[in-house]
Amino acid sequence: MPQVLEFKLPDLGEGLTEAEIVRWLVEVGDVVAIDQPVVEVETAKAMVEVPCPYGGVVTARFGEEGAELPVGAPLLTVAVGSQELLTGQGPASGSPSGSRAATETGQTSGSDSTSGNVLVGYGTGAPAARRRRVLPESFTGTATAPGTPKAPLAATAPLAATAPVLPPVPFAEEAPGPVAVISPLVRKLARQHGLDLRLVAGSGRDGLILRTDVESAIRVAEEEQVASAAPASRPVAASASRSTGERIALRGVRGAVADKLARSRREIPDATCWVDADATELMAARAAMNKAGGSTAPKVSVLALLARICTAALARFPELNSTVDTEAREIVRLSEVHLGFAAQTERGLVVPVVRDAHSRNVESVGAEIARLTEVARTGKLTPADLTGGTFTLNNYGVFGVDGSTPIINHPEAAMLGVGRIMPKPWVHQGELAVRQVVQLSLTFDHRVCDGGTAGGFLRYVADCVEQPTVLLRTL
């Protein structure tokens, strides 16, 4: 007899706790092979095709396109066993891929019908037993006596009927999804106060939730409870006017950006310094490099030149290529430069990362920037493409603005902003002339260095922009 296995939304890595269903790739009744992609989901990091670790016939799907599911929620069920029993047919000779599907799904007696570790959180073996959360009667609407068998899942039931979105619950009831907390004392404190640790932003390294984070969240919850118990003091007209505006959910990429920017402002004591630079010689050098490369060679971009200047500046001022370990109260200087660059896409602002930028020349950096930009436009960036940056370059000049005060990309220590390059009057060699001028802004974490270091970094970048030959010393 076929065995029905439930495939749950796996941990997609990088601390992600939920994903939105973008497109189903299979229908109920379809035969799926081991590791075949069955659904396309959008996380706060990227679009991901999720492969199923089981081979068999899809008997149910959970969630419509556009629904948001937490990690650990059911995605679909697969009947694993003999294909003839599952489909009511003989071997799938009428389908060009029937025999292959039957082989890959392991639907012969005694074969393995599960995959290897495709994504974090699931693999080949039988799922380990774990505690299940019991919903209160007030939520489920019905009470189930102990030992009463659960009703089978409907084959075509929508998410609202079979997998309702659960309200926030204390961590003690084992809410699904990873929680960045190690200390059992912190877990106990949260459990005693009925606090859902999934809703707590950790201030420790890599988002680790510390005792101070939990205590702060408890105080906020208590203050909100007191405020809600007090009589409303706002005029009725004012509260009514607030409810008439359009409400847009902060989720997906937009929600992730909002959380990260808010955390940066909340945790990092940042400061900004800026300088105007004459970029005329830099633009001339770029034109000469493109001319020397010929018509077939890839063009050198201004962003690639600025990226190479940044890596040279970070070699001189390594304080700005670091992060702060708040739990250990230590500054961690990083030996490798993974350079992020801000890119605006239809899905919002993303920051792809050029790995090992310190070991690349201008041509290599430019090629990687071009590749990542194209992948970003198609919405196919992976979580690995968007994480691990140590310093960010933000070219907001493409929007036609001169200056800005960048917000540091947490947990990095600095970000260089570049405005538009445009003709302006400039004193050059003692005479007034029209030159190509750009404004450079550096926002830095004041914990890792003082203004002297930040100013030295920015001045070196400006010198390289004004006199590109300065870079020859570091090449």
Protein backbone atom coordinates (compact mmCIF):
# COMPACT_ATOMS: atom_id res chain seq x y z
CA MET A 1 0.00 0.00 0.00
CA PRO A 2 1.28 3.51 -0.74
CA GLN A 3 2.61 5.56 2.14
CA VAL A 4 1.55 9.22 2.29
CA LEU A 5 4.41 11.49 3.37
CA GLU A 6 4.07 15.14 4.30
CA PHE A 7 6.66 17.56 2.90
CA LYS A 8 7.04 20.72 4.98
CA LEU A 9 8.56 24.04 3.99
CA PRO A 10 12.24 23.52 4.82
CA ASP A 11 14.66 25.91 6.46
CA LEU A 12 15.95 27.95 3.51
CA GLY A 13 19.02 29.12 5.42
CA GLU A 14 20.29 32.52 6.61
CA GLY A 15 17.78 32.61 9.49
CA LEU A 16 14.76 32.93 7.19
CA THR A 17 11.54 31.95 8.95
CA GLU A 18 8.89 32.33 6.24
CA ALA A 19 8.36 32.37 2.49
CA GLU A 20 5.63 33.42 0.08
CA ILE A 21 4.33 30.98 -2.53
CA VAL A 22 4.91 32.52 -5.96
CA ARG A 23 4.08 29.66 -8.31
CA TRP A 24 3.20 25.99 -7.97
CA LEU A 25 5.17 23.79 -10.36
CA VAL A 26 3.02 20.64 -9.85
CA GLU A 27 -0.68 19.82 -9.63
CA VAL A 28 -2.52 17.32 -7.42
CA GLY A 29 -2.23 13.95 -9.15
CA ASP A 30 1.13 14.67 -10.78
CA VAL A 31 3.93 12.13 -10.43
CA VAL A 32 7.05 13.80 -9.04
CA ALA A 33 10.62 12.56 -9.04
CA ILE A 34 13.02 12.76 -6.11
CA ASP A 35 14.50 16.28 -5.84
CA GLN A 36 12.13 17.64 -8.50
CA PRO A 37 11.24 21.33 -7.92
CA VAL A 38 7.60 21.51 -6.86
CA VAL A 39 7.06 25.15 -5.88
CA GLU A 40 8.70 28.52 -6.38
CA VAL A 41 8.78 30.68 -3.24
CA GLU A 42 9.98 34.19 -2.48
CA THR A 43 11.86 34.81 0.73
CA ALA A 44 13.19 38.03 2.15
CA LYS A 45 16.43 37.21 0.34
CA ALA A 46 15.60 35.81 -3.08
CA MET A 47 13.37 33.62 -5.27
CA VAL A 48 13.94 29.91 -4.58
CA GLU A 49 12.69 26.75 -6.30
CA VAL A 50 12.03 24.17 -3.57
CA PRO A 51 12.72 20.51 -4.50
CA CYS A 52 10.72 17.69 -2.95
CA PRO A 53 12.76 14.99 -1.20
CA TYR A 54 10.13 12.30 -1.95
CA GLY A 55 9.16 10.57 -5.17
CA GLY A 56 5.55 9.63 -5.78
CA VAL A 57 2.14 11.10 -6.56
CA VAL A 58 1.09 14.52 -5.23
CA THR A 59 -2.06 14.02 -3.17
CA ALA A 60 -2.51 17.51 -1.69
CA ARG A 61 -1.11 21.03 -1.83
CA PHE A 62 -1.29 23.54 0.99
CA GLY A 63 -1.44 27.25 0.28
CA GLU A 64 -2.53 29.24 -2.72
CA GLU A 65 -0.17 31.35 -4.78
CA GLY A 66 0.50 34.54 -2.82
CA ALA A 67 0.07 32.86 0.58
CA GLU A 68 2.84 33.26 3.14
CA LEU A 69 3.94 30.15 5.05
CA PRO A 70 6.25 29.79 8.06
CA VAL A 71 9.16 27.36 7.97
CA GLY A 72 7.85 23.96 9.04
CA ALA A 73 4.32 24.44 7.64
CA PRO A 74 3.05 21.68 5.28
CA LEU A 75 3.67 22.32 1.58
CA LEU A 76 2.26 19.17 0.04
CA THR A 77 1.73 15.45 0.62
CA VAL A 78 3.16 12.72 -1.59
CA ALA A 79 1.96 9.12 -1.82
CA VAL A 80 5.08 6.98 -2.06
CA GLY A 81 4.78 3.39 -3.31
CA SER A 82 3.91 1.46 -6.43
CA GLN A 83 3.03 3.74 -9.35
CA GLU A 84 0.37 1.31 -10.61
CA LEU A 85 -1.43 1.46 -7.21
CA LEU A 86 -1.09 5.22 -6.90
CA THR A 87 -2.33 6.21 -10.36
CA GLY A 88 -4.63 3.32 -11.11
CA GLN A 89 -2.72 2.66 -14.36
CA GLY A 90 0.02 0.45 -15.61
CA PRO A 91 3.53 1.70 -16.27
CA ALA A 92 3.41 5.22 -17.70
CA SER A 93 4.23 4.20 -21.26
CA GLY A 94 2.08 6.93 -22.72
CA SER A 95 4.32 9.62 -21.26
CA PRO A 96 7.78 10.20 -22.73
CA SER A 97 9.16 10.57 -19.23
CA GLY A 98 7.01 7.95 -17.52
CA SER A 99 9.64 5.25 -17.15
CA ARG A 100 12.23 7.76 -15.99
CA ALA A 101 9.85 9.22 -13.41
CA ALA A 102 9.04 5.76 -12.09
CA THR A 103 12.72 5.01 -11.73
CA GLU A 104 13.70 8.33 -10.17
CA THR A 105 10.86 8.35 -7.69
CA GLY A 106 11.83 4.94 -6.42
CA GLN A 107 8.30 3.53 -6.82
CA THR A 108 9.36 -0.09 -7.03
CA SER A 109 9.24 -2.31 -4.03
CA GLY A 110 12.14 -1.85 -1.67
CA SER A 111 13.61 1.24 -3.34
CA ASP A 112 14.54 4.48 -1.61
CA SER A 113 11.94 7.19 -2.28
CA THR A 114 13.61 10.06 -0.51
CA SER A 115 16.46 12.36 -1.40
CA GLY A 116 19.64 13.61 0.15
CA ASN A 117 20.03 16.91 2.01
CA VAL A 118 18.70 19.21 -0.69
CA LEU A 119 18.03 22.15 1.64
CA VAL A 120 18.66 22.75 5.29
CA GLY A 121 16.20 20.92 7.47
CA TYR A 122 15.29 17.78 5.55
CA GLY A 123 16.99 14.75 4.10
CA THR A 124 16.75 11.03 3.47
CA GLY A 125 15.82 9.49 6.75
CA ALA A 126 12.43 9.26 8.35
CA PRO A 127 11.47 12.51 10.04
CA ALA A 128 12.51 12.66 13.67
CA ALA A 129 9.76 12.67 16.24
CA ARG A 130 9.09 16.09 17.66
CA ARG A 131 6.62 17.73 19.97
CA ARG A 132 3.54 19.10 18.30
CA ARG A 133 1.73 22.19 19.49
CA VAL A 134 -1.84 21.66 20.67
CA LEU A 135 -4.14 24.48 19.65
CA PRO A 136 -6.56 25.79 22.25
CA GLU A 137 -10.27 25.17 21.81
CA SER A 138 -10.92 28.87 21.35
CA PHE A 139 -8.82 28.81 18.20
CA THR A 140 -9.72 25.49 16.62
CA GLY A 141 -13.42 25.77 17.45
CA THR A 142 -13.61 22.07 18.37
CA ALA A 143 -12.20 19.91 21.12
CA THR A 144 -10.54 16.60 20.24
CA ALA A 145 -10.58 13.82 22.79
CA PRO A 146 -7.28 12.08 23.50
CA GLY A 147 -6.65 9.18 21.13
CA THR A 148 -9.17 10.38 18.55
CA PRO A 149 -7.63 9.96 15.06
CA LYS A 150 -7.18 13.12 13.04
CA ALA A 151 -9.26 13.64 9.93
CA PRO A 152 -7.39 13.00 6.65
CA LEU A 153 -6.17 16.02 4.70
CA ALA A 154 -8.38 17.07 1.82
CA ALA A 155 -6.67 16.63 -1.57
CA THR A 156 -7.60 20.04 -2.87
CA ALA A 157 -8.37 21.97 0.31
CA PRO A 158 -7.05 25.55 0.35
CA LEU A 159 -4.71 26.77 3.04
CA ALA A 160 -7.51 28.54 4.91
CA ALA A 161 -9.33 25.22 5.38
CA THR A 162 -6.46 22.90 6.27
CA ALA A 163 -3.52 24.98 7.44
CA PRO A 164 -4.71 28.21 9.06
CA VAL A 165 -2.14 30.85 9.87
CA LEU A 166 -1.43 30.54 13.57
CA PRO A 167 -1.40 33.54 15.90
CA PRO A 168 1.82 34.38 17.75
CA VAL A 169 2.47 31.93 20.57
CA PRO A 170 5.08 31.74 23.32
CA PHE A 171 8.30 29.99 22.40
CA ALA A 172 7.55 27.44 25.08
CA GLU A 173 4.98 25.91 22.69
CA GLU A 174 7.73 25.36 20.08
CA ALA A 175 6.72 27.72 17.31
CA PRO A 176 8.07 26.60 13.92
CA GLY A 177 11.20 28.09 12.38
CA PRO A 178 14.76 28.70 13.60
CA VAL A 179 15.33 31.04 16.53
CA ALA A 180 18.75 32.66 16.97
CA VAL A 181 19.15 32.01 20.68
CA ILE A 182 21.63 29.75 22.48
CA SER A 183 21.34 30.42 26.22
CA PRO A 184 18.78 28.24 28.03
CA LEU A 185 18.38 31.06 30.55
CA VAL A 186 17.23 33.38 27.78
CA ARG A 187 14.75 30.76 26.57
CA LYS A 188 13.44 30.27 30.11
CA LEU A 189 13.01 34.02 30.61
CA ALA A 190 11.04 34.29 27.37
CA ARG A 191 8.91 31.29 28.30
CA GLN A 192 8.07 32.72 31.74
CA HIS A 193 6.79 35.94 30.17
CA GLY A 194 5.01 34.28 27.26
CA LEU A 195 7.32 35.96 24.75
CA ASP A 196 7.58 34.69 21.15
CA LEU A 197 11.32 34.73 20.40
CA ARG A 198 10.62 34.86 16.66
CA LEU A 199 9.49 38.45 17.16
CA VAL A 200 12.67 39.53 18.95
CA ALA A 201 15.53 41.14 16.99
CA GLY A 202 18.86 39.90 18.34
CA SER A 203 21.69 42.35 18.92
CA GLY A 204 24.39 39.69 19.18
CA ARG A 205 26.65 38.43 16.44
CA ASP A 206 24.74 37.11 13.41
CA GLY A 207 21.49 38.21 15.05
CA LEU A 208 21.94 36.17 18.23
CA ILE A 209 19.25 36.99 20.79
CA LEU A 210 20.75 38.09 24.09
CA ARG A 211 19.22 38.43 27.58
CA THR A 212 19.13 42.22 27.18
CA ASP A 213 17.09 41.82 23.97
CA VAL A 214 14.50 39.68 25.76
CA GLU A 215 14.32 42.03 28.75
CA SER A 216 13.84 44.99 26.43
CA ALA A 217 11.06 43.19 24.53
CA ILE A 218 9.35 42.32 27.82
CA ARG A 219 9.42 45.98 28.91
CA VAL A 220 7.97 47.10 25.59
CA ALA A 221 5.19 44.50 25.84
CA GLU A 222 4.34 45.60 29.38
CA GLU A 223 4.26 49.27 28.34
CA GLU A 224 1.97 48.48 25.41
CA GLN A 225 -0.32 46.52 27.72
CA VAL A 226 -0.55 49.47 30.12
CA ALA A 227 -1.19 51.87 27.25
CA SER A 228 -3.95 49.68 25.80
CA ALA A 229 -5.65 49.52 29.20
CA ALA A 230 -5.71 53.32 29.54
CA PRO A 231 -8.69 55.21 28.11
CA ALA A 232 -8.18 56.43 24.56
CA SER A 233 -7.19 60.08 24.46
CA ARG A 234 -7.04 60.60 20.71
CA PRO A 235 -10.01 62.26 19.00
CA VAL A 236 -12.31 59.89 17.17
CA ALA A 237 -11.91 61.85 13.97
CA ALA A 238 -8.14 61.44 14.02
CA SER A 239 -8.27 57.67 14.52
CA ALA A 240 -10.91 57.36 11.84
CA SER A 241 -8.80 59.29 9.34
CA ARG A 242 -5.86 56.96 9.94
CA SER A 243 -7.88 53.91 8.91
CA THR A 244 -8.89 55.35 5.52
CA GLY A 245 -5.41 55.23 3.93
CA GLU A 246 -4.01 52.40 1.86
CA ARG A 247 -2.21 49.74 3.89
CA ILE A 248 0.73 47.92 2.32
CA ALA A 249 2.16 44.89 4.11
CA LEU A 250 5.86 45.07 4.96
CA ARG A 251 6.93 41.63 3.86
CA GLY A 252 9.24 39.96 1.40
CA VAL A 253 12.16 42.07 0.21
CA ARG A 254 10.54 45.34 1.35
CA GLY A 255 9.98 43.95 4.84
CA ALA A 256 13.53 42.60 5.06
CA VAL A 257 14.97 45.95 3.98
CA ALA A 258 12.81 47.77 6.54
CA ASP A 259 13.92 45.46 9.36
CA LYS A 260 17.59 45.75 8.46
CA LEU A 261 17.59 49.52 8.13
CA ALA A 262 15.71 49.94 11.40
CA ARG A 263 18.14 47.62 13.16
CA SER A 264 21.10 49.56 11.74
CA ARG A 265 19.73 52.86 13.04
CA ARG A 266 18.85 51.30 16.40
CA GLU A 267 22.17 49.57 17.09
CA ILE A 268 24.92 51.44 15.22
CA PRO A 269 26.11 54.89 16.36
CA ASP A 270 26.82 56.12 12.86
CA ALA A 271 28.39 59.35 11.64
CA THR A 272 28.79 60.76 8.14
CA CYS A 273 31.49 62.80 6.44
CA TRP A 274 31.59 63.91 2.81
CA VAL A 275 33.79 65.64 0.26
CA ASP A 276 33.50 66.95 -3.31
CA ALA A 277 36.05 65.51 -5.74
CA ASP A 278 37.13 66.39 -9.27
CA ALA A 279 36.44 63.21 -11.26
CA THR A 280 37.61 64.58 -14.61
CA GLU A 281 40.81 62.52 -14.66
CA LEU A 282 38.96 59.39 -13.56
CA MET A 283 36.50 59.73 -16.45
CA ALA A 284 39.39 60.32 -18.86
CA ALA A 285 41.16 57.21 -17.55
CA ARG A 286 37.98 55.16 -18.02
CA ALA A 287 37.60 56.39 -21.60
CA ALA A 288 41.23 55.51 -22.34
CA MET A 289 40.84 52.01 -20.86
CA ASN A 290 37.71 51.34 -22.92
CA LYS A 291 39.38 52.61 -26.07
CA ALA A 292 42.43 50.41 -25.49
CA GLY A 293 40.23 47.38 -24.97
CA GLY A 294 38.67 47.69 -28.40
CA SER A 295 35.07 47.22 -29.47
CA THR A 296 34.86 43.56 -28.40
CA ALA A 297 36.14 43.88 -24.83
CA PRO A 298 33.66 44.54 -21.99
CA LYS A 299 33.45 48.21 -21.08
CA VAL A 300 34.91 49.35 -17.79
CA SER A 301 32.20 50.95 -15.64
CA VAL A 302 32.59 53.83 -13.22
CA LEU A 303 31.25 51.54 -10.48
CA ALA A 304 34.02 49.00 -11.16
CA LEU A 305 36.67 51.72 -10.88
CA LEU A 306 35.16 52.98 -7.61
CA ALA A 307 35.00 49.40 -6.28
CA ARG A 308 38.72 48.93 -6.99
CA ILE A 309 39.45 52.26 -5.28
CA CYS A 310 37.47 51.10 -2.23
CA THR A 311 39.43 47.86 -1.90
CA ALA A 312 42.70 49.82 -2.09
CA ALA A 313 41.43 52.25 0.57
CA LEU A 314 40.32 49.39 2.85
CA ALA A 315 43.82 47.89 2.64
CA ARG A 316 45.12 51.18 4.08
CA PHE A 317 42.29 51.60 6.60
CA PRO A 318 41.25 48.06 7.68
CA GLU A 319 39.25 49.47 10.61
CA LEU A 320 36.39 50.09 8.20
CA ASN A 321 36.34 46.48 6.99
CA SER A 322 35.14 45.11 10.30
CA THR A 323 32.14 44.29 12.44
CA VAL A 324 31.28 44.64 16.13
CA ASP A 325 30.65 41.60 18.32
CA THR A 326 28.37 43.19 20.91
CA GLU A 327 28.18 40.10 23.09
CA ALA A 328 31.96 39.77 23.42
CA ARG A 329 32.45 43.55 23.26
CA GLU A 330 35.06 43.12 20.53
CA ILE A 331 35.78 44.69 17.15
CA VAL A 332 36.41 41.98 14.57
CA ARG A 333 38.65 43.15 11.72
CA LEU A 334 38.05 41.04 8.64
CA SER A 335 40.89 39.88 6.43
CA GLU A 336 38.81 39.55 3.25
CA VAL A 337 36.79 42.21 1.46
CA HIS A 338 33.39 41.06 0.22
CA LEU A 339 32.08 44.18 -1.48
CA GLY A 340 28.33 44.79 -1.60
CA PHE A 341 26.79 47.23 -4.06
CA ALA A 342 23.27 48.60 -3.94
CA ALA A 343 21.09 47.70 -6.93
CA GLN A 344 17.54 48.89 -7.54
CA THR A 345 15.26 46.26 -9.10
CA GLU A 346 11.54 45.86 -9.73
CA ARG A 347 11.37 43.86 -6.48
CA GLY A 348 13.04 46.64 -4.52
CA LEU A 349 16.52 47.45 -3.29
CA VAL A 350 18.96 44.55 -3.09
CA VAL A 351 22.66 44.43 -2.22
CA PRO A 352 24.53 41.70 -4.15
CA VAL A 353 28.02 40.87 -2.89
CA VAL A 354 31.22 40.59 -4.94
CA ARG A 355 33.22 37.89 -3.16
CA ASP A 356 36.95 38.41 -2.55
CA ALA A 357 36.92 41.85 -4.12
CA HIS A 358 40.34 42.57 -2.61
CA SER A 359 41.94 39.96 -4.90
CA ARG A 360 40.25 41.15 -8.12
CA ASN A 361 41.37 43.72 -10.68
CA VAL A 362 39.06 46.28 -12.28
CA GLU A 363 38.10 43.96 -15.12
CA SER A 364 37.24 41.08 -12.80
CA VAL A 365 35.26 43.29 -10.41
CA GLY A 366 33.36 44.84 -13.33
CA ALA A 367 32.48 41.44 -14.81
CA GLU A 368 31.14 40.18 -11.46
CA ILE A 369 29.13 43.37 -10.89
CA ALA A 370 27.60 43.01 -14.37
CA ARG A 371 26.73 39.35 -13.75
CA LEU A 372 25.13 39.97 -10.37
CA THR A 373 23.21 42.98 -11.70
CA GLU A 374 21.70 40.88 -14.49
CA VAL A 375 20.76 38.09 -12.09
CA ALA A 376 19.18 40.69 -9.78
CA ARG A 377 17.03 42.03 -12.61
CA THR A 378 15.64 38.57 -13.27
CA GLY A 379 14.94 38.01 -9.56
CA LYS A 380 17.18 34.93 -9.38
CA LEU A 381 19.67 36.06 -6.74
CA THR A 382 20.28 33.38 -4.12
CA PRO A 383 20.66 34.02 -0.39
CA ALA A 384 24.41 33.41 -0.82
CA ASP A 385 24.56 36.25 -3.38
CA LEU A 386 23.03 38.67 -0.89
CA THR A 387 24.82 37.89 2.36
CA GLY A 388 28.30 38.02 3.82
CA GLY A 389 29.24 41.54 2.71
CA THR A 390 31.90 43.42 4.69
CA PHE A 391 31.65 46.87 3.03
CA THR A 392 29.02 48.43 0.75
CA LEU A 393 29.31 50.83 -2.18
CA ASN A 394 26.12 52.78 -2.94
CA ASN A 395 25.98 54.63 -6.27
CA TYR A 396 22.84 56.72 -5.79
CA GLY A 397 24.05 59.12 -8.48
CA VAL A 398 22.17 56.99 -11.02
CA PHE A 399 18.98 58.54 -9.58
CA GLY A 400 20.19 62.03 -10.50
CA VAL A 401 20.99 63.18 -6.95
CA ASP A 402 24.20 64.76 -5.68
CA GLY A 403 24.40 63.61 -2.07
CA SER A 404 22.93 61.44 0.64
CA THR A 405 23.62 60.09 4.13
CA PRO A 406 23.78 56.32 3.60
CA ILE A 407 22.48 53.93 6.25
CA ILE A 408 25.05 51.27 7.10
CA ASN A 409 24.23 47.77 5.89
CA HIS A 410 24.14 45.96 9.27
CA PRO A 411 26.39 44.36 10.56
CA GLU A 412 29.01 46.11 8.44
CA ALA A 413 30.97 49.11 9.72
CA ALA A 414 30.79 51.56 6.81
CA MET A 415 29.22 52.46 3.48
CA LEU A 416 30.51 54.76 0.73
CA GLY A 417 27.89 56.75 -1.16
CA VAL A 418 28.56 58.25 -4.60
CA GLY A 419 26.49 61.04 -6.12
CA ARG A 420 26.11 61.94 -9.79
CA ILE A 421 29.15 63.10 -11.76
CA MET A 422 28.28 66.36 -13.48
CA PRO A 423 29.98 69.49 -14.90
CA LYS A 424 30.52 72.20 -12.29
CA PRO A 425 32.73 75.26 -11.92
CA TRP A 426 35.95 74.22 -10.17
CA VAL A 427 39.28 75.82 -9.40
CA HIS A 428 41.83 73.75 -11.33
CA GLN A 429 45.53 74.63 -11.26
CA GLY A 430 44.72 78.08 -9.94
CA GLU A 431 42.10 78.91 -12.58
CA LEU A 432 38.34 78.59 -12.71
CA ALA A 433 37.31 75.79 -15.06
CA VAL A 434 34.38 73.48 -15.77
CA ARG A 435 35.21 70.05 -14.36
CA GLN A 436 33.39 66.74 -13.73
CA VAL A 437 32.60 66.90 -10.01
CA VAL A 438 31.20 64.19 -7.71
CA GLN A 439 30.23 64.19 -4.04
CA LEU A 440 31.43 61.24 -1.93
CA SER A 441 29.77 60.41 1.42
CA LEU A 442 31.08 57.97 4.01
CA THR A 443 28.85 56.74 6.82
CA PHE A 444 30.79 54.79 9.44
CA ASP A 445 30.27 53.02 12.76
CA HIS A 446 31.84 55.34 15.34
CA ARG A 447 32.57 52.34 17.55
CA VAL A 448 35.18 50.94 15.17
CA CYS A 449 37.11 54.15 14.53
CA ASP A 450 37.19 57.90 15.09
CA GLY A 451 36.79 60.71 12.61
CA GLY A 452 40.49 60.78 11.79
CA THR A 453 40.43 57.27 10.34
CA ALA A 454 37.16 57.86 8.49
CA GLY A 455 38.44 61.15 7.11
CA GLY A 456 41.70 59.51 6.02
CA PHE A 457 39.78 56.79 4.18
CA LEU A 458 37.53 59.29 2.42
CA ARG A 459 40.43 61.57 1.51
CA TYR A 460 42.34 58.66 -0.03
CA VAL A 461 39.28 57.69 -2.11
CA ALA A 462 38.90 61.30 -3.26
CA ASP A 463 42.63 61.47 -4.18
CA CYS A 464 42.28 58.33 -6.29
CA VAL A 465 39.23 59.80 -8.02
CA GLU A 466 41.07 63.05 -8.76
CA GLN A 467 44.38 61.37 -9.65
CA PRO A 468 43.85 57.72 -10.69
CA THR A 469 47.63 57.25 -10.92
CA VAL A 470 47.66 57.17 -7.10
CA LEU A 471 46.28 53.63 -7.45
CA LEU A 472 49.48 52.50 -9.20
CA ARG A 473 51.14 52.39 -5.79
CA THR A 474 48.83 49.59 -4.66
CA LEU A 475 48.60 47.57 -7.89
